[in-house]
Amino acid sequence: LWGYAPLERSLVVTIGAGTVVYSVLLVGQAVVRYVITAAAAPDIATD
């Protein structure tokens, strides 16, 4: 809006950016949770 973009375009970009940021944060949280869980259980059998 500071750059005088139309409102419709601004809302579409905003919704897209919010969704992408949310998705990236969820995937990062899942990866961190997996790494922490795997590090906490070293007795997992390997090949």
All heavy atoms as atom14 arrays in JSON, in Angstrom:
{
  "sequence": "LWGYAPLERSLVVTIGAGTVVYSVLLVGQAVVRYVITAAAAPDIATD",
  "atom14_mask": [
    [1, 1, 1, 1, 1, 1, 1, 1, 0, 0, 0, 0, 0, 0],
    [1, 1, 1, 1, 1, 1, 1, 1, 1, 1, 1, 1, 1, 1],
    [1, 1, 1, 1, 0, 0, 0, 0, 0, 0, 0, 0, 0, 0],
    [1, 1, 1, 1, 1, 1, 1, 1, 1, 1, 1, 1, 0, 0],
    [1, 1, 1, 1, 1, 0, 0, 0, 0, 0, 0, 0, 0, 0],
    [1, 1, 1, 1, 1, 1, 1, 0, 0, 0, 0, 0, 0, 0],
    [1, 1, 1, 1, 1, 1, 1, 1, 0, 0, 0, 0, 0, 0],
    [1, 1, 1, 1, 1, 1, 1, 1, 1, 0, 0, 0, 0, 0],
    [1, 1, 1, 1, 1, 1, 1, 1, 1, 1, 1, 0, 0, 0],
    [1, 1, 1, 1, 1, 1, 0, 0, 0, 0, 0, 0, 0, 0],
    [1, 1, 1, 1, 1, 1, 1, 1, 0, 0, 0, 0, 0, 0],
    [1, 1, 1, 1, 1, 1, 1, 0, 0, 0, 0, 0, 0, 0],
    [1, 1, 1, 1, 1, 1, 1, 0, 0, 0, 0, 0, 0, 0],
    [1, 1, 1, 1, 1, 1, 1, 0, 0, 0, 0, 0, 0, 0],
    [1, 1, 1, 1, 1, 1, 1, 1, 0, 0, 0, 0, 0, 0],
    [1, 1, 1, 1, 0, 0, 0, 0, 0, 0, 0, 0, 0, 0],
    [1, 1, 1, 1, 1, 0, 0, 0, 0, 0, 0, 0, 0, 0],
    [1, 1, 1, 1, 0, 0, 0, 0, 0, 0, 0, 0, 0, 0],
    [1, 1, 1, 1, 1, 1, 1, 0, 0, 0, 0, 0, 0, 0],
    [1, 1, 1, 1, 1, 1, 1, 0, 0, 0, 0, 0, 0, 0],
    [1, 1, 1, 1, 1, 1, 1, 0, 0, 0, 0, 0, 0, 0],
    [1, 1, 1, 1, 1, 1, 1, 1, 1, 1, 1, 1, 0, 0],
    [1, 1, 1, 1, 1, 1, 0, 0, 0, 0, 0, 0, 0, 0],
    [1, 1, 1, 1, 1, 1, 1, 0, 0, 0, 0, 0, 0, 0],
    [1, 1, 1, 1, 1, 1, 1, 1, 0, 0, 0, 0, 0, 0],
    [1, 1, 1, 1, 1, 1, 1, 1, 0, 0, 0, 0, 0, 0],
    [1, 1, 1, 1, 1, 1, 1, 0, 0, 0, 0, 0, 0, 0],
    [1, 1, 1, 1, 0, 0, 0, 0, 0, 0, 0, 0, 0, 0],
    [1, 1, 1, 1, 1, 1, 1, 1, 1, 0, 0, 0, 0, 0],
    [1, 1, 1, 1, 1, 0, 0, 0, 0, 0, 0, 0, 0, 0],
    [1, 1, 1, 1, 1, 1, 1, 0, 0, 0, 0, 0, 0, 0],
    [1, 1, 1, 1, 1, 1, 1, 0, 0, 0, 0, 0, 0, 0],
    [1, 1, 1, 1, 1, 1, 1, 1, 1, 1, 1, 0, 0, 0],
    [1, 1, 1, 1, 1, 1, 1, 1, 1, 1, 1, 1, 0, 0],
    [1, 1, 1, 1, 1, 1, 1, 0, 0, 0, 0, 0, 0, 0],
    [1, 1, 1, 1, 1, 1, 1, 1, 0, 0, 0, 0, 0, 0],
    [1, 1, 1, 1, 1, 1, 1, 0, 0, 0, 0, 0, 0, 0],
    [1, 1, 1, 1, 1, 0, 0, 0, 0, 0, 0, 0, 0, 0],
    [1, 1, 1, 1, 1, 0, 0, 0, 0, 0, 0, 0, 0, 0],
    [1, 1, 1, 1, 1, 0, 0, 0, 0, 0, 0, 0, 0, 0],
    [1, 1, 1, 1, 1, 0, 0, 0, 0, 0, 0, 0, 0, 0],
    [1, 1, 1, 1, 1, 1, 1, 0, 0, 0, 0, 0, 0, 0],
    [1, 1, 1, 1, 1, 1, 1, 1, 0, 0, 0, 0, 0, 0],
    [1, 1, 1, 1, 1, 1, 1, 1, 0, 0, 0, 0, 0, 0],
    [1, 1, 1, 1, 1, 0, 0, 0, 0, 0, 0, 0, 0, 0],
    [1, 1, 1, 1, 1, 1, 1, 0, 0, 0, 0, 0, 0, 0],
    [1, 1, 1, 1, 1, 1, 1, 1, 0, 0, 0, 0, 0, 0]
  ],
  "atom14_positions": [
    [[0.82, -1.22, 0.0], [0.0, 0.0, 0.0], [0.85, 1.26, 0.0], [0.43, 2.31, -0.52], [-0.95, -0.02, 1.2], [-2.05, -1.09, 1.16], [-2.87, -1.05, 2.43], [-2.93, -0.91, -0.06], [0.0, 0.0, 0.0], [0.0, 0.0, 0.0], [0.0, 0.0, 0.0], [0.0, 0.0, 0.0], [0.0, 0.0, 0.0], [0.0, 0.0, 0.0]],
    [[2.04, 1.19, 0.6], [2.94, 2.34, 0.61], [3.39, 2.68, -0.82], [3.61, 3.84, -1.14], [4.15, 2.03, 1.49], [5.02, 3.23, 1.74], [6.12, 3.59, 1.03], [4.84, 4.21, 2.75], [6.67, 4.74, 1.55], [5.89, 5.15, 2.61], [3.91, 4.39, 3.76], [6.02, 6.24, 3.46], [4.06, 5.49, 4.6], [5.1, 6.4, 4.43]],
    [[3.5, 1.65, -1.65], [3.89, 1.87, -3.04], [2.71, 2.15, -3.96], [2.85, 2.05, -5.18], [0.0, 0.0, 0.0], [0.0, 0.0, 0.0], [0.0, 0.0, 0.0], [0.0, 0.0, 0.0], [0.0, 0.0, 0.0], [0.0, 0.0, 0.0], [0.0, 0.0, 0.0], [0.0, 0.0, 0.0], [0.0, 0.0, 0.0], [0.0, 0.0, 0.0]],
    [[1.54, 2.45, -3.39], [0.32, 2.79, -4.15], [-0.13, 1.67, -5.08], [-0.6, 1.91, -6.18], [0.51, 4.1, -4.94], [0.83, 5.28, -4.06], [2.11, 5.81, -4.01], [-0.16, 5.84, -3.26], [2.41, 6.88, -3.19], [0.14, 6.92, -2.43], [1.42, 7.43, -2.4], [1.7, 8.49, -1.58], [0.0, 0.0, 0.0], [0.0, 0.0, 0.0]],
    [[0.01, 0.43, -4.62], [-0.48, -0.71, -5.4], [-2.0, -0.79, -5.2], [-2.52, -0.37, -4.17], [0.18, -2.0, -4.93], [0.0, 0.0, 0.0], [0.0, 0.0, 0.0], [0.0, 0.0, 0.0], [0.0, 0.0, 0.0], [0.0, 0.0, 0.0], [0.0, 0.0, 0.0], [0.0, 0.0, 0.0], [0.0, 0.0, 0.0], [0.0, 0.0, 0.0]],
    [[-2.71, -1.34, -6.18], [-4.16, -1.51, -6.0], [-4.47, -2.42, -4.82], [-3.69, -3.32, -4.48], [-4.61, -2.15, -7.31], [-3.5, -1.96, -8.27], [-2.26, -1.77, -7.48], [0.0, 0.0, 0.0], [0.0, 0.0, 0.0], [0.0, 0.0, 0.0], [0.0, 0.0, 0.0], [0.0, 0.0, 0.0], [0.0, 0.0, 0.0], [0.0, 0.0, 0.0]],
    [[-5.61, -2.19, -4.2], [-5.98, -2.93, -3.0], [-6.12, -4.43, -3.27], [-5.69, -5.26, -2.46], [-7.28, -2.37, -2.41], [-7.75, -3.02, -1.12], [-6.7, -2.83, -0.02], [-9.09, -2.46, -0.68], [0.0, 0.0, 0.0], [0.0, 0.0, 0.0], [0.0, 0.0, 0.0], [0.0, 0.0, 0.0], [0.0, 0.0, 0.0], [0.0, 0.0, 0.0]],
    [[-6.72, -4.79, -4.42], [-6.9, -6.21, -4.73], [-5.56, -6.92, -4.85], [-5.36, -8.01, -4.32], [-7.69, -6.37, -6.04], [-9.12, -5.87, -5.98], [-9.22, -4.36, -6.23], [-8.23, -3.76, -6.7], [-10.29, -3.8, -5.91], [0.0, 0.0, 0.0], [0.0, 0.0, 0.0], [0.0, 0.0, 0.0], [0.0, 0.0, 0.0], [0.0, 0.0, 0.0]],
    [[-4.63, -6.31, -5.55], [-3.3, -6.9, -5.7], [-2.6, -7.0, -4.35], [-1.94, -8.0, -4.04], [-2.47, -6.08, -6.67], [-1.05, -6.61, -6.83], [-0.28, -5.81, -7.88], [1.07, -6.33, -7.95], [2.14, -5.65, -7.52], [2.01, -4.45, -7.01], [3.33, -6.18, -7.62], [0.0, 0.0, 0.0], [0.0, 0.0, 0.0], [0.0, 0.0, 0.0]],
    [[-2.73, -5.96, -3.55], [-2.1, -5.96, -2.23], [-2.64, -7.08, -1.35], [-1.88, -7.75, -0.65], [-2.33, -4.62, -1.54], [-1.76, -3.57, -2.27], [0.0, 0.0, 0.0], [0.0, 0.0, 0.0], [0.0, 0.0, 0.0], [0.0, 0.0, 0.0], [0.0, 0.0, 0.0], [0.0, 0.0, 0.0], [0.0, 0.0, 0.0], [0.0, 0.0, 0.0]],
    [[-3.95, -7.31, -1.39], [-4.53, -8.37, -0.58], [-4.11, -9.76, -1.06], [-3.85, -10.65, -0.25], [-6.06, -8.25, -0.57], [-6.6, -7.05, 0.2], [-8.11, -6.97, 0.06], [-6.2, -7.1, 1.65], [0.0, 0.0, 0.0], [0.0, 0.0, 0.0], [0.0, 0.0, 0.0], [0.0, 0.0, 0.0], [0.0, 0.0, 0.0], [0.0, 0.0, 0.0]],
    [[-4.03, -9.93, -2.37], [-3.59, -11.23, -2.9], [-2.14, -11.51, -2.51], [-1.8, -12.61, -2.07], [-3.77, -11.27, -4.43], [-3.09, -12.48, -5.03], [-5.25, -11.28, -4.79], [0.0, 0.0, 0.0], [0.0, 0.0, 0.0], [0.0, 0.0, 0.0], [0.0, 0.0, 0.0], [0.0, 0.0, 0.0], [0.0, 0.0, 0.0], [0.0, 0.0, 0.0]],
    [[-1.29, -10.51, -2.64], [0.11, -10.67, -2.26], [0.24, -10.93, -0.76], [1.03, -11.78, -0.31], [0.94, -9.43, -2.7], [2.32, -9.45, -2.08], [1.03, -9.36, -4.21], [0.0, 0.0, 0.0], [0.0, 0.0, 0.0], [0.0, 0.0, 0.0], [0.0, 0.0, 0.0], [0.0, 0.0, 0.0], [0.0, 0.0, 0.0], [0.0, 0.0, 0.0]],
    [[-0.56, -10.23, 0.03], [-0.52, -10.39, 1.49], [-0.94, -11.79, 1.9], [-0.29, -12.44, 2.72], [-1.43, -9.34, 2.15], [-0.94, -8.06, 1.82], [-1.45, -9.52, 3.64], [0.0, 0.0, 0.0], [0.0, 0.0, 0.0], [0.0, 0.0, 0.0], [0.0, 0.0, 0.0], [0.0, 0.0, 0.0], [0.0, 0.0, 0.0], [0.0, 0.0, 0.0]],
    [[-2.04, -12.28, 1.33], [-2.51, -13.62, 1.67], [-1.5, -14.67, 1.23], [-1.2, -15.62, 1.96], [-3.9, -13.88, 1.04], [-4.94, -12.99, 1.73], [-4.3, -15.33, 1.15], [-6.29, -12.98, 1.04], [0.0, 0.0, 0.0], [0.0, 0.0, 0.0], [0.0, 0.0, 0.0], [0.0, 0.0, 0.0], [0.0, 0.0, 0.0], [0.0, 0.0, 0.0]],
    [[-0.93, -14.5, 0.06], [0.09, -15.44, -0.42], [1.33, -15.43, 0.45], [1.86, -16.48, 0.81], [0.0, 0.0, 0.0], [0.0, 0.0, 0.0], [0.0, 0.0, 0.0], [0.0, 0.0, 0.0], [0.0, 0.0, 0.0], [0.0, 0.0, 0.0], [0.0, 0.0, 0.0], [0.0, 0.0, 0.0], [0.0, 0.0, 0.0], [0.0, 0.0, 0.0]],
    [[1.79, -14.24, 0.8], [3.0, -14.15, 1.64], [2.76, -14.74, 3.02], [3.6, -15.45, 3.56], [3.44, -12.69, 1.75], [0.0, 0.0, 0.0], [0.0, 0.0, 0.0], [0.0, 0.0, 0.0], [0.0, 0.0, 0.0], [0.0, 0.0, 0.0], [0.0, 0.0, 0.0], [0.0, 0.0, 0.0], [0.0, 0.0, 0.0], [0.0, 0.0, 0.0]],
    [[1.61, -14.45, 3.61], [1.3, -15.02, 4.92], [1.22, -16.53, 4.89], [1.7, -17.21, 5.8], [0.0, 0.0, 0.0], [0.0, 0.0, 0.0], [0.0, 0.0, 0.0], [0.0, 0.0, 0.0], [0.0, 0.0, 0.0], [0.0, 0.0, 0.0], [0.0, 0.0, 0.0], [0.0, 0.0, 0.0], [0.0, 0.0, 0.0], [0.0, 0.0, 0.0]],
    [[0.63, -17.07, 3.83], [0.53, -18.53, 3.7], [1.89, -19.17, 3.51], [2.18, -20.22, 4.1], [-0.39, -18.88, 2.51], [-1.66, -18.23, 2.71], [-0.6, -20.37, 2.4], [0.0, 0.0, 0.0], [0.0, 0.0, 0.0], [0.0, 0.0, 0.0], [0.0, 0.0, 0.0], [0.0, 0.0, 0.0], [0.0, 0.0, 0.0], [0.0, 0.0, 0.0]],
    [[2.73, -18.57, 2.7], [4.08, -19.11, 2.48], [4.9, -19.08, 3.75], [5.57, -20.06, 4.11], [4.79, -18.36, 1.33], [6.25, -18.7, 1.27], [4.12, -18.69, 0.0], [0.0, 0.0, 0.0], [0.0, 0.0, 0.0], [0.0, 0.0, 0.0], [0.0, 0.0, 0.0], [0.0, 0.0, 0.0], [0.0, 0.0, 0.0], [0.0, 0.0, 0.0]],
    [[4.87, -17.97, 4.47], [5.62, -17.86, 5.72], [5.12, -18.89, 6.73], [5.92, -19.56, 7.4], [5.54, -16.43, 6.29], [6.09, -16.36, 7.69], [6.27, -15.46, 5.39], [0.0, 0.0, 0.0], [0.0, 0.0, 0.0], [0.0, 0.0, 0.0], [0.0, 0.0, 0.0], [0.0, 0.0, 0.0], [0.0, 0.0, 0.0], [0.0, 0.0, 0.0]],
    [[3.82, -19.04, 6.84], [3.23, -20.02, 7.77], [3.67, -21.44, 7.4], [4.06, -22.22, 8.27], [1.71, -19.88, 7.75], [1.01, -20.77, 8.74], [1.05, -20.49, 10.09], [0.31, -21.89, 8.31], [0.41, -21.3, 11.01], [-0.34, -22.7, 9.22], [-0.29, -22.41, 10.57], [-0.92, -23.22, 11.46], [0.0, 0.0, 0.0], [0.0, 0.0, 0.0]],
    [[3.63, -21.77, 6.11], [4.03, -23.11, 5.67], [5.5, -23.38, 5.95], [5.87, -24.47, 6.41], [3.75, -23.28, 4.17], [2.39, -23.08, 3.9], [0.0, 0.0, 0.0], [0.0, 0.0, 0.0], [0.0, 0.0, 0.0], [0.0, 0.0, 0.0], [0.0, 0.0, 0.0], [0.0, 0.0, 0.0], [0.0, 0.0, 0.0], [0.0, 0.0, 0.0]],
    [[6.35, -22.41, 5.66], [7.79, -22.59, 5.9], [8.06, -22.77, 7.38], [8.87, -23.63, 7.79], [8.58, -21.39, 5.32], [10.0, -21.39, 5.81], [8.54, -21.42, 3.81], [0.0, 0.0, 0.0], [0.0, 0.0, 0.0], [0.0, 0.0, 0.0], [0.0, 0.0, 0.0], [0.0, 0.0, 0.0], [0.0, 0.0, 0.0], [0.0, 0.0, 0.0]],
    [[7.4, -21.99, 8.22], [7.6, -22.14, 9.66], [7.1, -23.49, 10.17], [7.73, -24.09, 11.05], [6.91, -20.99, 10.41], [7.55, -19.62, 10.26], [6.69, -18.56, 10.92], [8.95, -19.61, 10.84], [0.0, 0.0, 0.0], [0.0, 0.0, 0.0], [0.0, 0.0, 0.0], [0.0, 0.0, 0.0], [0.0, 0.0, 0.0], [0.0, 0.0, 0.0]],
    [[5.99, -23.99, 9.63], [5.5, -25.3, 10.05], [6.45, -26.42, 9.65], [6.71, -27.34, 10.42], [4.11, -25.56, 9.46], [2.94, -24.91, 10.18], [1.63, -25.3, 9.5], [2.9, -25.3, 11.64], [0.0, 0.0, 0.0], [0.0, 0.0, 0.0], [0.0, 0.0, 0.0], [0.0, 0.0, 0.0], [0.0, 0.0, 0.0], [0.0, 0.0, 0.0]],
    [[6.97, -26.35, 8.43], [7.93, -27.37, 7.99], [9.2, -27.29, 8.83], [9.74, -28.32, 9.24], [8.23, -27.2, 6.48], [9.4, -28.06, 6.05], [7.0, -27.53, 5.65], [0.0, 0.0, 0.0], [0.0, 0.0, 0.0], [0.0, 0.0, 0.0], [0.0, 0.0, 0.0], [0.0, 0.0, 0.0], [0.0, 0.0, 0.0], [0.0, 0.0, 0.0]],
    [[9.68, -26.1, 9.1], [10.87, -25.95, 9.96], [10.63, -26.49, 11.35], [11.5, -27.14, 11.94], [0.0, 0.0, 0.0], [0.0, 0.0, 0.0], [0.0, 0.0, 0.0], [0.0, 0.0, 0.0], [0.0, 0.0, 0.0], [0.0, 0.0, 0.0], [0.0, 0.0, 0.0], [0.0, 0.0, 0.0], [0.0, 0.0, 0.0], [0.0, 0.0, 0.0]],
    [[9.46, -26.25, 11.9], [9.13, -26.76, 13.23], [9.1, -28.29, 13.21], [9.58, -28.94, 14.14], [7.78, -26.21, 13.67], [7.33, -26.71, 15.02], [5.95, -26.18, 15.38], [5.36, -25.4, 14.65], [5.46, -26.61, 16.51], [0.0, 0.0, 0.0], [0.0, 0.0, 0.0], [0.0, 0.0, 0.0], [0.0, 0.0, 0.0], [0.0, 0.0, 0.0]],
    [[8.54, -28.88, 12.16], [8.48, -30.34, 12.07], [9.88, -30.93, 11.95], [10.18, -31.97, 12.56], [7.62, -30.75, 10.88], [0.0, 0.0, 0.0], [0.0, 0.0, 0.0], [0.0, 0.0, 0.0], [0.0, 0.0, 0.0], [0.0, 0.0, 0.0], [0.0, 0.0, 0.0], [0.0, 0.0, 0.0], [0.0, 0.0, 0.0], [0.0, 0.0, 0.0]],
    [[10.76, -30.29, 11.19], [12.13, -30.79, 11.04], [12.88, -30.7, 12.37], [13.57, -31.64, 12.77], [12.87, -30.01, 9.92], [14.36, -30.29, 9.95], [12.29, -30.34, 8.58], [0.0, 0.0, 0.0], [0.0, 0.0, 0.0], [0.0, 0.0, 0.0], [0.0, 0.0, 0.0], [0.0, 0.0, 0.0], [0.0, 0.0, 0.0], [0.0, 0.0, 0.0]],
    [[12.75, -29.59, 13.05], [13.43, -29.43, 14.34], [12.91, -30.46, 15.35], [13.68, -31.08, 16.09], [13.26, -27.99, 14.87], [13.68, -27.88, 16.32], [14.04, -27.03, 14.01], [0.0, 0.0, 0.0], [0.0, 0.0, 0.0], [0.0, 0.0, 0.0], [0.0, 0.0, 0.0], [0.0, 0.0, 0.0], [0.0, 0.0, 0.0], [0.0, 0.0, 0.0]],
    [[11.61, -30.67, 15.36], [11.03, -31.65, 16.28], [11.53, -33.06, 15.96], [11.83, -33.84, 16.86], [9.51, -31.59, 16.2], [8.82, -32.35, 17.31], [7.36, -32.12, 17.29], [7.09, -30.75, 17.72], [5.9, -30.32, 18.08], [4.88, -31.11, 18.04], [5.75, -29.08, 18.48], [0.0, 0.0, 0.0], [0.0, 0.0, 0.0], [0.0, 0.0, 0.0]],
    [[11.67, -33.38, 14.66], [12.18, -34.69, 14.26], [13.64, -34.86, 14.68], [14.03, -35.9, 15.2], [12.04, -34.87, 12.75], [12.69, -36.13, 12.24], [12.08, -37.36, 12.41], [13.93, -36.09, 11.61], [12.68, -38.52, 11.95], [14.54, -37.24, 11.16], [13.9, -38.46, 11.33], [14.51, -39.6, 10.88], [0.0, 0.0, 0.0], [0.0, 0.0, 0.0]],
    [[14.45, -33.82, 14.48], [15.87, -33.9, 14.83], [16.03, -34.06, 16.34], [16.84, -34.87, 16.82], [16.62, -32.65, 14.31], [18.0, -32.56, 14.91], [16.69, -32.68, 12.81], [0.0, 0.0, 0.0], [0.0, 0.0, 0.0], [0.0, 0.0, 0.0], [0.0, 0.0, 0.0], [0.0, 0.0, 0.0], [0.0, 0.0, 0.0], [0.0, 0.0, 0.0]],
    [[15.27, -33.3, 17.1], [15.37, -33.4, 18.56], [14.93, -34.78, 19.03], [15.55, -35.38, 19.91], [14.56, -32.28, 19.23], [15.25, -30.94, 18.99], [14.38, -32.54, 20.71], [14.46, -29.75, 19.47], [0.0, 0.0, 0.0], [0.0, 0.0, 0.0], [0.0, 0.0, 0.0], [0.0, 0.0, 0.0], [0.0, 0.0, 0.0], [0.0, 0.0, 0.0]],
    [[13.86, -35.31, 18.47], [13.37, -36.63, 18.84], [14.37, -37.71, 18.47], [14.61, -38.63, 19.25], [12.02, -36.92, 18.16], [11.12, -35.87, 18.48], [11.45, -38.23, 18.61], [0.0, 0.0, 0.0], [0.0, 0.0, 0.0], [0.0, 0.0, 0.0], [0.0, 0.0, 0.0], [0.0, 0.0, 0.0], [0.0, 0.0, 0.0], [0.0, 0.0, 0.0]],
    [[14.99, -37.6, 17.31], [15.98, -38.59, 16.88], [17.24, -38.51, 17.74], [17.86, -39.54, 18.03], [16.33, -38.38, 15.42], [0.0, 0.0, 0.0], [0.0, 0.0, 0.0], [0.0, 0.0, 0.0], [0.0, 0.0, 0.0], [0.0, 0.0, 0.0], [0.0, 0.0, 0.0], [0.0, 0.0, 0.0], [0.0, 0.0, 0.0], [0.0, 0.0, 0.0]],
    [[17.61, -37.33, 18.17], [18.8, -37.18, 19.01], [18.54, -37.68, 20.43], [19.46, -38.14, 21.1], [19.26, -35.73, 19.05], [0.0, 0.0, 0.0], [0.0, 0.0, 0.0], [0.0, 0.0, 0.0], [0.0, 0.0, 0.0], [0.0, 0.0, 0.0], [0.0, 0.0, 0.0], [0.0, 0.0, 0.0], [0.0, 0.0, 0.0], [0.0, 0.0, 0.0]],
    [[17.31, -37.6, 20.86], [16.99, -38.02, 22.22], [16.89, -39.54, 22.33], [16.99, -40.09, 23.43], [15.67, -37.41, 22.66], [0.0, 0.0, 0.0], [0.0, 0.0, 0.0], [0.0, 0.0, 0.0], [0.0, 0.0, 0.0], [0.0, 0.0, 0.0], [0.0, 0.0, 0.0], [0.0, 0.0, 0.0], [0.0, 0.0, 0.0], [0.0, 0.0, 0.0]],
    [[16.72, -40.24, 21.22], [16.58, -41.7, 21.24], [17.73, -42.35, 20.46], [17.56, -42.78, 19.34], [15.24, -42.1, 20.63], [0.0, 0.0, 0.0], [0.0, 0.0, 0.0], [0.0, 0.0, 0.0], [0.0, 0.0, 0.0], [0.0, 0.0, 0.0], [0.0, 0.0, 0.0], [0.0, 0.0, 0.0], [0.0, 0.0, 0.0], [0.0, 0.0, 0.0]],
    [[18.93, -42.42, 21.05], [20.06, -43.0, 20.31], [19.98, -44.52, 20.21], [20.79, -45.12, 19.54], [21.28, -42.57, 21.13], [20.75, -42.44, 22.51], [19.33, -41.93, 22.35], [0.0, 0.0, 0.0], [0.0, 0.0, 0.0], [0.0, 0.0, 0.0], [0.0, 0.0, 0.0], [0.0, 0.0, 0.0], [0.0, 0.0, 0.0], [0.0, 0.0, 0.0]],
    [[19.03, -45.16, 20.88], [18.96, -46.61, 20.85], [18.19, -47.13, 19.65], [17.84, -48.31, 19.59], [18.31, -47.13, 22.14], [16.93, -46.56, 22.37], [16.61, -45.53, 21.75], [16.18, -47.15, 23.16], [0.0, 0.0, 0.0], [0.0, 0.0, 0.0], [0.0, 0.0, 0.0], [0.0, 0.0, 0.0], [0.0, 0.0, 0.0], [0.0, 0.0, 0.0]],
    [[17.94, -46.29, 18.68], [17.26, -46.74, 17.47], [18.22, -47.63, 16.69], [19.38, -47.29, 16.46], [16.83, -45.53, 16.61], [15.81, -44.7, 17.37], [16.27, -45.98, 15.28], [15.43, -43.42, 16.67], [0.0, 0.0, 0.0], [0.0, 0.0, 0.0], [0.0, 0.0, 0.0], [0.0, 0.0, 0.0], [0.0, 0.0, 0.0], [0.0, 0.0, 0.0]],
    [[17.73, -48.81, 16.3], [18.58, -49.78, 15.6], [18.92, -49.26, 14.2], [18.08, -48.75, 13.49], [17.87, -51.11, 15.51], [0.0, 0.0, 0.0], [0.0, 0.0, 0.0], [0.0, 0.0, 0.0], [0.0, 0.0, 0.0], [0.0, 0.0, 0.0], [0.0, 0.0, 0.0], [0.0, 0.0, 0.0], [0.0, 0.0, 0.0], [0.0, 0.0, 0.0]],
    [[20.18, -49.42, 13.83], [20.61, -49.07, 12.49], [20.88, -50.35, 11.71], [20.85, -51.45, 12.25], [21.89, -48.22, 12.53], [22.9, -48.96, 13.21], [21.64, -46.91, 13.27], [0.0, 0.0, 0.0], [0.0, 0.0, 0.0], [0.0, 0.0, 0.0], [0.0, 0.0, 0.0], [0.0, 0.0, 0.0], [0.0, 0.0, 0.0], [0.0, 0.0, 0.0]],
    [[21.14, -50.21, 10.44], [21.35, -51.39, 9.6], [22.63, -52.14, 9.96], [22.7, -53.35, 9.84], [21.4, -50.98, 8.12], [20.05, -50.49, 7.64], [19.03, -50.85, 8.27], [20.01, -49.76, 6.65], [0.0, 0.0, 0.0], [0.0, 0.0, 0.0], [0.0, 0.0, 0.0], [0.0, 0.0, 0.0], [0.0, 0.0, 0.0], [0.0, 0.0, 0.0]]
  ]
}
